[in-house]
Amino acid sequence: MASANASGSEENFSCCICLDVFNSPVSTPCGHNFCRT
């Protein structure tokens, strides 16, 4: 498994709603990811 540093910047691991690192991320049918809450 790749490390977090190799996977990209902080933007790739941030929820566009809360603008924080994903917490329990879920995917919608269109392929986008958000925190479940």
PDB file of all heavy atoms in Angstrom:
ATOM      1  N   MET A   1       0.857  -1.210   0.000  1.00  0.00           N
ATOM      2  CA  MET A   1       0.000   0.000   0.000  1.00  0.00           C
ATOM      3  C   MET A   1       0.875   1.235   0.000  1.00  0.00           C
ATOM      4  O   MET A   1       1.859   1.313   0.733  1.00  0.00           O
ATOM      5  CB  MET A   1      -0.910  -0.010   1.231  1.00  0.00           C
ATOM      6  CG  MET A   1      -1.869   1.185   1.260  1.00  0.00           C
ATOM      7  SD  MET A   1      -2.930   1.138   2.691  1.00  0.00           S
ATOM      8  CE  MET A   1      -3.919  -0.291   2.299  1.00  0.00           C
ATOM      9  N   ALA A   2       0.539   2.182  -0.807  1.00  0.00           N
ATOM     10  CA  ALA A   2       1.326   3.419  -0.891  1.00  0.00           C
ATOM     11  C   ALA A   2       1.152   4.247   0.364  1.00  0.00           C
ATOM     12  O   ALA A   2       0.119   4.195   1.020  1.00  0.00           O
ATOM     13  CB  ALA A   2       0.907   4.210  -2.130  1.00  0.00           C
ATOM     14  N   SER A   3       2.162   5.029   0.702  1.00  0.00           N
ATOM     15  CA  SER A   3       2.084   5.900   1.882  1.00  0.00           C
ATOM     16  C   SER A   3       1.241   7.121   1.570  1.00  0.00           C
ATOM     17  O   SER A   3       0.998   7.468   0.423  1.00  0.00           O
ATOM     18  CB  SER A   3       3.492   6.339   2.313  1.00  0.00           C
ATOM     19  OG  SER A   3       4.058   7.151   1.319  1.00  0.00           O
ATOM     20  N   ALA A   4       0.853   7.786   2.621  1.00  0.00           N
ATOM     21  CA  ALA A   4       0.005   8.971   2.442  1.00  0.00           C
ATOM     22  C   ALA A   4       0.762  10.062   1.733  1.00  0.00           C
ATOM     23  O   ALA A   4       0.208  10.786   0.906  1.00  0.00           O
ATOM     24  CB  ALA A   4      -0.483   9.464   3.805  1.00  0.00           C
ATOM     25  N   ASN A   5       2.063  10.195   1.996  1.00  0.00           N
ATOM     26  CA  ASN A   5       2.845  11.242   1.346  1.00  0.00           C
ATOM     27  C   ASN A   5       2.956  11.004  -0.140  1.00  0.00           C
ATOM     28  O   ASN A   5       3.056  11.926  -0.924  1.00  0.00           O
ATOM     29  CB  ASN A   5       4.246  11.307   1.958  1.00  0.00           C
ATOM     30  CG  ASN A   5       4.214  11.887   3.363  1.00  0.00           C
ATOM     31  OD1 ASN A   5       3.294  12.603   3.696  1.00  0.00           O
ATOM     32  ND2 ASN A   5       5.203  11.538   4.177  1.00  0.00           N
ATOM     33  N   ALA A   6       2.949   9.732  -0.541  1.00  0.00           N
ATOM     34  CA  ALA A   6       3.086   9.418  -1.966  1.00  0.00           C
ATOM     35  C   ALA A   6       1.771   9.517  -2.686  1.00  0.00           C
ATOM     36  O   ALA A   6       1.717   9.463  -3.903  1.00  0.00           O
ATOM     37  CB  ALA A   6       3.669   8.018  -2.131  1.00  0.00           C
ATOM     38  N   SER A   7       0.704   9.613  -2.005  1.00  0.00           N
ATOM     39  CA  SER A   7      -0.621   9.598  -2.631  1.00  0.00           C
ATOM     40  C   SER A   7      -1.060  10.971  -3.070  1.00  0.00           C
ATOM     41  O   SER A   7      -2.044  11.106  -3.787  1.00  0.00           O
ATOM     42  CB  SER A   7      -1.657   9.019  -1.655  1.00  0.00           C
ATOM     43  OG  SER A   7      -1.289   7.704  -1.321  1.00  0.00           O
ATOM     44  N   GLY A   8      -0.426  11.995  -2.651  1.00  0.00           N
ATOM     45  CA  GLY A   8      -0.804  13.340  -3.083  1.00  0.00           C
ATOM     46  C   GLY A   8      -0.784  14.327  -1.953  1.00  0.00           C
ATOM     47  O   GLY A   8      -0.362  14.031  -0.840  1.00  0.00           O
ATOM     48  N   SER A   9      -1.276  15.516  -2.266  1.00  0.00           N
ATOM     49  CA  SER A   9      -1.282  16.594  -1.275  1.00  0.00           C
ATOM     50  C   SER A   9      -2.497  16.477  -0.369  1.00  0.00           C
ATOM     51  O   SER A   9      -3.341  15.602  -0.535  1.00  0.00           O
ATOM     52  CB  SER A   9      -1.281  17.947  -1.985  1.00  0.00           C
ATOM     53  OG  SER A   9      -2.482  18.088  -2.727  1.00  0.00           O
ATOM     54  N   GLU A  10      -2.601  17.448   0.568  1.00  0.00           N
ATOM     55  CA  GLU A  10      -3.706  17.433   1.525  1.00  0.00           C
ATOM     56  C   GLU A  10      -5.048  17.626   0.837  1.00  0.00           C
ATOM     57  O   GLU A  10      -6.072  17.129   1.313  1.00  0.00           O
ATOM     58  CB  GLU A  10      -3.485  18.548   2.567  1.00  0.00           C
ATOM     59  CG  GLU A  10      -4.516  18.564   3.682  1.00  0.00           C
ATOM     60  CD  GLU A  10      -4.192  19.599   4.736  1.00  0.00           C
ATOM     61  OE1 GLU A  10      -3.101  20.207   4.667  1.00  0.00           O
ATOM     62  OE2 GLU A  10      -5.040  19.791   5.631  1.00  0.00           O
ATOM     63  N   GLU A  11      -5.071  18.283  -0.340  1.00  0.00           N
ATOM     64  CA  GLU A  11      -6.334  18.501  -1.048  1.00  0.00           C
ATOM     65  C   GLU A  11      -6.969  17.183  -1.467  1.00  0.00           C
ATOM     66  O   GLU A  11      -8.193  17.060  -1.547  1.00  0.00           O
ATOM     67  CB  GLU A  11      -6.086  19.383  -2.279  1.00  0.00           C
ATOM     68  CG  GLU A  11      -5.615  20.798  -1.939  1.00  0.00           C
ATOM     69  CD  GLU A  11      -5.361  21.614  -3.181  1.00  0.00           C
ATOM     70  OE1 GLU A  11      -5.502  21.050  -4.286  1.00  0.00           O
ATOM     71  OE2 GLU A  11      -5.032  22.811  -3.054  1.00  0.00           O
ATOM     72  N   ASN A  12      -6.129  16.171  -1.794  1.00  0.00           N
ATOM     73  CA  ASN A  12      -6.657  14.872  -2.227  1.00  0.00           C
ATOM     74  C   ASN A  12      -7.304  14.102  -1.103  1.00  0.00           C
ATOM     75  O   ASN A  12      -7.992  13.101  -1.339  1.00  0.00           O
ATOM     76  CB  ASN A  12      -5.541  14.019  -2.841  1.00  0.00           C
ATOM     77  CG  ASN A  12      -4.960  14.665  -4.085  1.00  0.00           C
ATOM     78  OD1 ASN A  12      -5.675  15.313  -4.839  1.00  0.00           O
ATOM     79  ND2 ASN A  12      -3.660  14.498  -4.292  1.00  0.00           N
ATOM     80  N   PHE A  13      -7.080  14.524   0.146  1.00  0.00           N
ATOM     81  CA  PHE A  13      -7.638  13.809   1.288  1.00  0.00           C
ATOM     82  C   PHE A  13      -8.581  14.703   2.087  1.00  0.00           C
ATOM     83  O   PHE A  13      -8.828  14.459   3.257  1.00  0.00           O
ATOM     84  CB  PHE A  13      -6.507  13.305   2.192  1.00  0.00           C
ATOM     85  CG  PHE A  13      -5.574  12.340   1.515  1.00  0.00           C
ATOM     86  CD1 PHE A  13      -4.385  12.779   0.945  1.00  0.00           C
ATOM     87  CD2 PHE A  13      -5.897  10.990   1.421  1.00  0.00           C
ATOM     88  CE1 PHE A  13      -3.533  11.890   0.311  1.00  0.00           C
ATOM     89  CE2 PHE A  13      -5.036  10.103   0.785  1.00  0.00           C
ATOM     90  CZ  PHE A  13      -3.858  10.545   0.230  1.00  0.00           C
ATOM     91  N   SER A  14      -9.119  15.718   1.435  1.00  0.00           N
ATOM     92  CA  SER A  14      -9.995  16.662   2.130  1.00  0.00           C
ATOM     93  C   SER A  14     -11.407  16.574   1.584  1.00  0.00           C
ATOM     94  O   SER A  14     -11.619  16.462   0.373  1.00  0.00           O
ATOM     95  CB  SER A  14      -9.474  18.098   1.983  1.00  0.00           C
ATOM     96  OG  SER A  14      -8.187  18.205   2.544  1.00  0.00           O
ATOM     97  N   CYS A  15     -12.370  16.668   2.488  1.00  0.00           N
ATOM     98  CA  CYS A  15     -13.792  16.711   2.135  1.00  0.00           C
ATOM     99  C   CYS A  15     -14.121  18.119   1.659  1.00  0.00           C
ATOM    100  O   CYS A  15     -13.758  19.106   2.317  1.00  0.00           O
ATOM    101  CB  CYS A  15     -14.637  16.314   3.340  1.00  0.00           C
ATOM    102  SG  CYS A  15     -16.408  16.549   3.105  1.00  0.00           S
ATOM    103  N   CYS A  16     -14.817  18.231   0.514  1.00  0.00           N
ATOM    104  CA  CYS A  16     -15.133  19.563  -0.020  1.00  0.00           C
ATOM    105  C   CYS A  16     -16.214  20.277   0.767  1.00  0.00           C
ATOM    106  O   CYS A  16     -16.468  21.460   0.541  1.00  0.00           O
ATOM    107  CB  CYS A  16     -15.538  19.439  -1.497  1.00  0.00           C
ATOM    108  SG  CYS A  16     -17.111  18.574  -1.735  1.00  0.00           S
ATOM    109  N   ILE A  17     -16.849  19.559   1.682  1.00  0.00           N
ATOM    110  CA  ILE A  17     -17.905  20.195   2.495  1.00  0.00           C
ATOM    111  C   ILE A  17     -17.308  20.805   3.765  1.00  0.00           C
ATOM    112  O   ILE A  17     -17.508  21.988   4.056  1.00  0.00           O
ATOM    113  CB  ILE A  17     -19.020  19.182   2.836  1.00  0.00           C
ATOM    114  CG1 ILE A  17     -19.701  18.706   1.547  1.00  0.00           C
ATOM    115  CG2 ILE A  17     -20.039  19.813   3.779  1.00  0.00           C
ATOM    116  CD1 ILE A  17     -20.780  17.676   1.775  1.00  0.00           C
ATOM    117  N   CYS A  18     -16.567  19.997   4.544  1.00  0.00           N
ATOM    118  CA  CYS A  18     -15.991  20.492   5.798  1.00  0.00           C
ATOM    119  C   CYS A  18     -14.569  20.998   5.624  1.00  0.00           C
ATOM    120  O   CYS A  18     -13.993  21.587   6.551  1.00  0.00           O
ATOM    121  CB  CYS A  18     -16.031  19.416   6.873  1.00  0.00           C
ATOM    122  SG  CYS A  18     -14.994  17.981   6.508  1.00  0.00           S
ATOM    123  N   LEU A  19     -13.948  20.734   4.426  1.00  0.00           N
ATOM    124  CA  LEU A  19     -12.589  21.183   4.111  1.00  0.00           C
ATOM    125  C   LEU A  19     -11.554  20.621   5.071  1.00  0.00           C
ATOM    126  O   LEU A  19     -10.493  21.217   5.289  1.00  0.00           O
ATOM    127  CB  LEU A  19     -12.511  22.717   4.110  1.00  0.00           C
ATOM    128  CG  LEU A  19     -13.472  23.432   3.145  1.00  0.00           C
ATOM    129  CD1 LEU A  19     -13.306  24.941   3.265  1.00  0.00           C
ATOM    130  CD2 LEU A  19     -13.253  22.968   1.723  1.00  0.00           C
ATOM    131  N   ASP A  20     -11.853  19.478   5.659  1.00  0.00           N
ATOM    132  CA  ASP A  20     -10.923  18.820   6.571  1.00  0.00           C
ATOM    133  C   ASP A  20     -10.577  17.445   6.014  1.00  0.00           C
ATOM    134  O   ASP A  20     -11.200  16.976   5.049  1.00  0.00           O
ATOM    135  CB  ASP A  20     -11.550  18.697   7.966  1.00  0.00           C
ATOM    136  CG  ASP A  20     -10.490  18.507   9.042  1.00  0.00           C
ATOM    137  OD1 ASP A  20      -9.307  18.372   8.678  1.00  0.00           O
ATOM    138  OD2 ASP A  20     -10.847  18.492  10.237  1.00  0.00           O
ATOM    139  N   VAL A  21      -9.584  16.767   6.582  1.00  0.00           N
ATOM    140  CA  VAL A  21      -9.217  15.418   6.137  1.00  0.00           C
ATOM    141  C   VAL A  21     -10.415  14.495   6.335  1.00  0.00           C
ATOM    142  O   VAL A  21     -11.143  14.590   7.333  1.00  0.00           O
ATOM    143  CB  VAL A  21      -7.993  14.909   6.911  1.00  0.00           C
ATOM    144  CG1 VAL A  21      -7.629  13.492   6.467  1.00  0.00           C
ATOM    145  CG2 VAL A  21      -6.807  15.847   6.699  1.00  0.00           C
ATOM    146  N   PHE A  22     -10.617  13.607   5.367  1.00  0.00           N
ATOM    147  CA  PHE A  22     -11.773  12.704   5.391  1.00  0.00           C
ATOM    148  C   PHE A  22     -11.882  11.977   6.721  1.00  0.00           C
ATOM    149  O   PHE A  22     -10.891  11.503   7.283  1.00  0.00           O
ATOM    150  CB  PHE A  22     -11.668  11.664   4.274  1.00  0.00           C
ATOM    151  CG  PHE A  22     -11.960  12.226   2.906  1.00  0.00           C
ATOM    152  CD1 PHE A  22     -11.007  12.166   1.896  1.00  0.00           C
ATOM    153  CD2 PHE A  22     -13.199  12.791   2.622  1.00  0.00           C
ATOM    154  CE1 PHE A  22     -11.279  12.672   0.638  1.00  0.00           C
ATOM    155  CE2 PHE A  22     -13.471  13.288   1.359  1.00  0.00           C
ATOM    156  CZ  PHE A  22     -12.514  13.242   0.366  1.00  0.00           C
ATOM    157  N   ASN A  23     -13.143  11.890   7.179  1.00  0.00           N
ATOM    158  CA  ASN A  23     -13.465  11.094   8.364  1.00  0.00           C
ATOM    159  C   ASN A  23     -14.604  10.156   7.971  1.00  0.00           C
ATOM    160  O   ASN A  23     -15.716  10.608   7.686  1.00  0.00           O
ATOM    161  CB  ASN A  23     -13.880  12.010   9.524  1.00  0.00           C
ATOM    162  CG  ASN A  23     -14.134  11.232  10.796  1.00  0.00           C
ATOM    163  OD1 ASN A  23     -13.716  10.079  10.919  1.00  0.00           O
ATOM    164  ND2 ASN A  23     -14.844  11.856  11.735  1.00  0.00           N
ATOM    165  N   SER A  24     -14.301   8.851   7.902  1.00  0.00           N
ATOM    166  CA  SER A  24     -15.269   7.846   7.411  1.00  0.00           C
ATOM    167  C   SER A  24     -15.754   8.236   6.019  1.00  0.00           C
ATOM    168  O   SER A  24     -16.953   8.502   5.804  1.00  0.00           O
ATOM    169  CB  SER A  24     -16.452   7.709   8.375  1.00  0.00           C
ATOM    170  OG  SER A  24     -16.006   7.283   9.647  1.00  0.00           O
ATOM    171  N   PRO A  25     -14.844   8.291   5.026  1.00  0.00           N
ATOM    172  CA  PRO A  25     -15.238   8.727   3.680  1.00  0.00           C
ATOM    173  C   PRO A  25     -16.166   7.719   2.992  1.00  0.00           C
ATOM    174  O   PRO A  25     -15.991   6.503   3.113  1.00  0.00           O
ATOM    175  CB  PRO A  25     -13.908   8.847   2.963  1.00  0.00           C
ATOM    176  CG  PRO A  25     -12.996   7.905   3.666  1.00  0.00           C
ATOM    177  CD  PRO A  25     -13.419   7.903   5.091  1.00  0.00           C
ATOM    178  N   VAL A  26     -17.154   8.246   2.253  1.00  0.00           N
ATOM    179  CA  VAL A  26     -18.084   7.437   1.459  1.00  0.00           C
ATOM    180  C   VAL A  26     -18.070   7.965   0.032  1.00  0.00           C
ATOM    181  O   VAL A  26     -17.757   9.136  -0.205  1.00  0.00           O
ATOM    182  CB  VAL A  26     -19.509   7.472   2.049  1.00  0.00           C
ATOM    183  CG1 VAL A  26     -19.550   6.806   3.426  1.00  0.00           C
ATOM    184  CG2 VAL A  26     -20.024   8.910   2.133  1.00  0.00           C
ATOM    185  N   SER A  27     -18.441   7.095  -0.945  1.00  0.00           N
ATOM    186  CA  SER A  27     -18.460   7.475  -2.362  1.00  0.00           C
ATOM    187  C   SER A  27     -19.885   7.500  -2.870  1.00  0.00           C
ATOM    188  O   SER A  27     -20.714   6.639  -2.530  1.00  0.00           O
ATOM    189  CB  SER A  27     -17.640   6.483  -3.191  1.00  0.00           C
ATOM    190  OG  SER A  27     -16.296   6.451  -2.761  1.00  0.00           O
ATOM    191  N   THR A  28     -20.210   8.513  -3.672  1.00  0.00           N
ATOM    192  CA  THR A  28     -21.533   8.618  -4.299  1.00  0.00           C
ATOM    193  C   THR A  28     -21.519   7.855  -5.623  1.00  0.00           C
ATOM    194  O   THR A  28     -20.443   7.528  -6.146  1.00  0.00           O
ATOM    195  CB  THR A  28     -21.864  10.100  -4.541  1.00  0.00           C
ATOM    196  OG1 THR A  28     -20.871  10.659  -5.394  1.00  0.00           O
ATOM    197  CG2 THR A  28     -21.896  10.869  -3.223  1.00  0.00           C
ATOM    198  N   PRO A  29     -22.680   7.591  -6.218  1.00  0.00           N
ATOM    199  CA  PRO A  29     -22.713   6.878  -7.506  1.00  0.00           C
ATOM    200  C   PRO A  29     -21.950   7.597  -8.611  1.00  0.00           C
ATOM    201  O   PRO A  29     -21.489   6.959  -9.556  1.00  0.00           O
ATOM    202  CB  PRO A  29     -24.214   6.817  -7.809  1.00  0.00           C
ATOM    203  CG  PRO A  29     -24.867   6.824  -6.473  1.00  0.00           C
ATOM    204  CD  PRO A  29     -24.031   7.725  -5.628  1.00  0.00           C
ATOM    205  N   CYS A  30     -21.769   8.921  -8.480  1.00  0.00           N
ATOM    206  CA  CYS A  30     -21.021   9.658  -9.500  1.00  0.00           C
ATOM    207  C   CYS A  30     -19.516   9.568  -9.290  1.00  0.00           C
ATOM    208  O   CYS A  30     -18.735  10.128 -10.078  1.00  0.00           O
ATOM    209  CB  CYS A  30     -21.482  11.106  -9.559  1.00  0.00           C
ATOM    210  SG  CYS A  30     -21.273  11.993  -8.002  1.00  0.00           S
ATOM    211  N   GLY A  31     -19.050   8.936  -8.213  1.00  0.00           N
ATOM    212  CA  GLY A  31     -17.634   8.724  -7.978  1.00  0.00           C
ATOM    213  C   GLY A  31     -16.947   9.730  -7.073  1.00  0.00           C
ATOM    214  O   GLY A  31     -15.730   9.646  -6.874  1.00  0.00           O
ATOM    215  N   HIS A  32     -17.673  10.687  -6.519  1.00  0.00           N
ATOM    216  CA  HIS A  32     -17.059  11.667  -5.619  1.00  0.00           C
ATOM    217  C   HIS A  32     -17.144  11.196  -4.168  1.00  0.00           C
ATOM    218  O   HIS A  32     -18.049  10.431  -3.813  1.00  0.00           O
ATOM    219  CB  HIS A  32     -17.726  13.033  -5.782  1.00  0.00           C
ATOM    220  CG  HIS A  32     -17.503  13.631  -7.138  1.00  0.00           C
ATOM    221  ND1 HIS A  32     -18.537  13.989  -7.985  1.00  0.00           N
ATOM    222  CD2 HIS A  32     -16.350  13.921  -7.801  1.00  0.00           C
ATOM    223  CE1 HIS A  32     -18.041  14.480  -9.110  1.00  0.00           C
ATOM    224  NE2 HIS A  32     -16.696  14.431  -9.026  1.00  0.00           N
ATOM    225  N   ASN A  33     -16.201  11.705  -3.360  1.00  0.00           N
ATOM    226  CA  ASN A  33     -16.073  11.236  -1.970  1.00  0.00           C
ATOM    227  C   ASN A  33     -16.349  12.377  -0.987  1.00  0.00           C
ATOM    228  O   ASN A  33     -15.935  13.526  -1.208  1.00  0.00           O
ATOM    229  CB  ASN A  33     -14.667  10.689  -1.741  1.00  0.00           C
ATOM    230  CG  ASN A  33     -14.333   9.532  -2.664  1.00  0.00           C
ATOM    231  OD1 ASN A  33     -14.984   8.496  -2.622  1.00  0.00           O
ATOM    232  ND2 ASN A  33     -13.321   9.723  -3.517  1.00  0.00           N
ATOM    233  N   PHE A  34     -17.003  12.013   0.127  1.00  0.00           N
ATOM    234  CA  PHE A  34     -17.335  12.969   1.187  1.00  0.00           C
ATOM    235  C   PHE A  34     -17.276  12.250   2.523  1.00  0.00           C
ATOM    236  O   PHE A  34     -17.352  11.010   2.588  1.00  0.00           O
ATOM    237  CB  PHE A  34     -18.747  13.546   0.989  1.00  0.00           C
ATOM    238  CG  PHE A  34     -18.974  14.145  -0.374  1.00  0.00           C
ATOM    239  CD1 PHE A  34     -19.561  13.384  -1.377  1.00  0.00           C
ATOM    240  CD2 PHE A  34     -18.610  15.446  -0.645  1.00  0.00           C
ATOM    241  CE1 PHE A  34     -19.771  13.928  -2.629  1.00  0.00           C
ATOM    242  CE2 PHE A  34     -18.823  15.996  -1.905  1.00  0.00           C
ATOM    243  CZ  PHE A  34     -19.403  15.230  -2.904  1.00  0.00           C
ATOM    244  N   CYS A  35     -17.166  13.032   3.592  1.00  0.00           N
ATOM    245  CA  CYS A  35     -17.320  12.456   4.931  1.00  0.00           C
ATOM    246  C   CYS A  35     -18.775  11.987   5.061  1.00  0.00           C
ATOM    247  O   CYS A  35     -19.710  12.654   4.588  1.00  0.00           O
ATOM    248  CB  CYS A  35     -17.011  13.484   6.021  1.00  0.00           C
ATOM    249  SG  CYS A  35     -15.307  14.052   6.030  1.00  0.00           S
ATOM    250  N   ARG A  36     -18.968  10.798   5.704  1.00  0.00           N
ATOM    251  CA  ARG A  36     -20.326  10.279   5.843  1.00  0.00           C
ATOM    252  C   ARG A  36     -21.216  11.311   6.539  1.00  0.00           C
ATOM    253  O   ARG A  36     -22.347  11.559   6.108  1.00  0.00           O
ATOM    254  CB  ARG A  36     -20.298   8.974   6.647  1.00  0.00           C
ATOM    255  CG  ARG A  36     -21.712   8.411   6.928  1.00  0.00           C
ATOM    256  CD  ARG A  36     -21.664   7.278   7.925  1.00  0.00           C
ATOM    257  NE  ARG A  36     -21.103   6.079   7.327  1.00  0.00           N
ATOM    258  CZ  ARG A  36     -21.839   5.178   6.620  1.00  0.00           C
ATOM    259  NH1 ARG A  36     -23.125   5.397   6.439  1.00  0.00           N
ATOM    260  NH2 ARG A  36     -21.284   4.114   6.128  1.00  0.00           N
ATOM    261  N   THR A  37     -20.730  11.898   7.602  1.00  0.00           N
ATOM    262  CA  THR A  37     -21.546  12.853   8.366  1.00  0.00           C
ATOM    263  C   THR A  37     -21.874  14.080   7.528  1.00  0.00           C
ATOM    264  O   THR A  37     -23.010  14.582   7.553  1.00  0.00           O
ATOM    265  CB  THR A  37     -20.799  13.281   9.632  1.00  0.00           C
ATOM    266  OG1 THR A  37     -20.472  12.126  10.407  1.00  0.00           O
ATOM    267  CG2 THR A  37     -21.636  14.219  10.488  1.00  0.00           C
TER     268      THR A  37
END
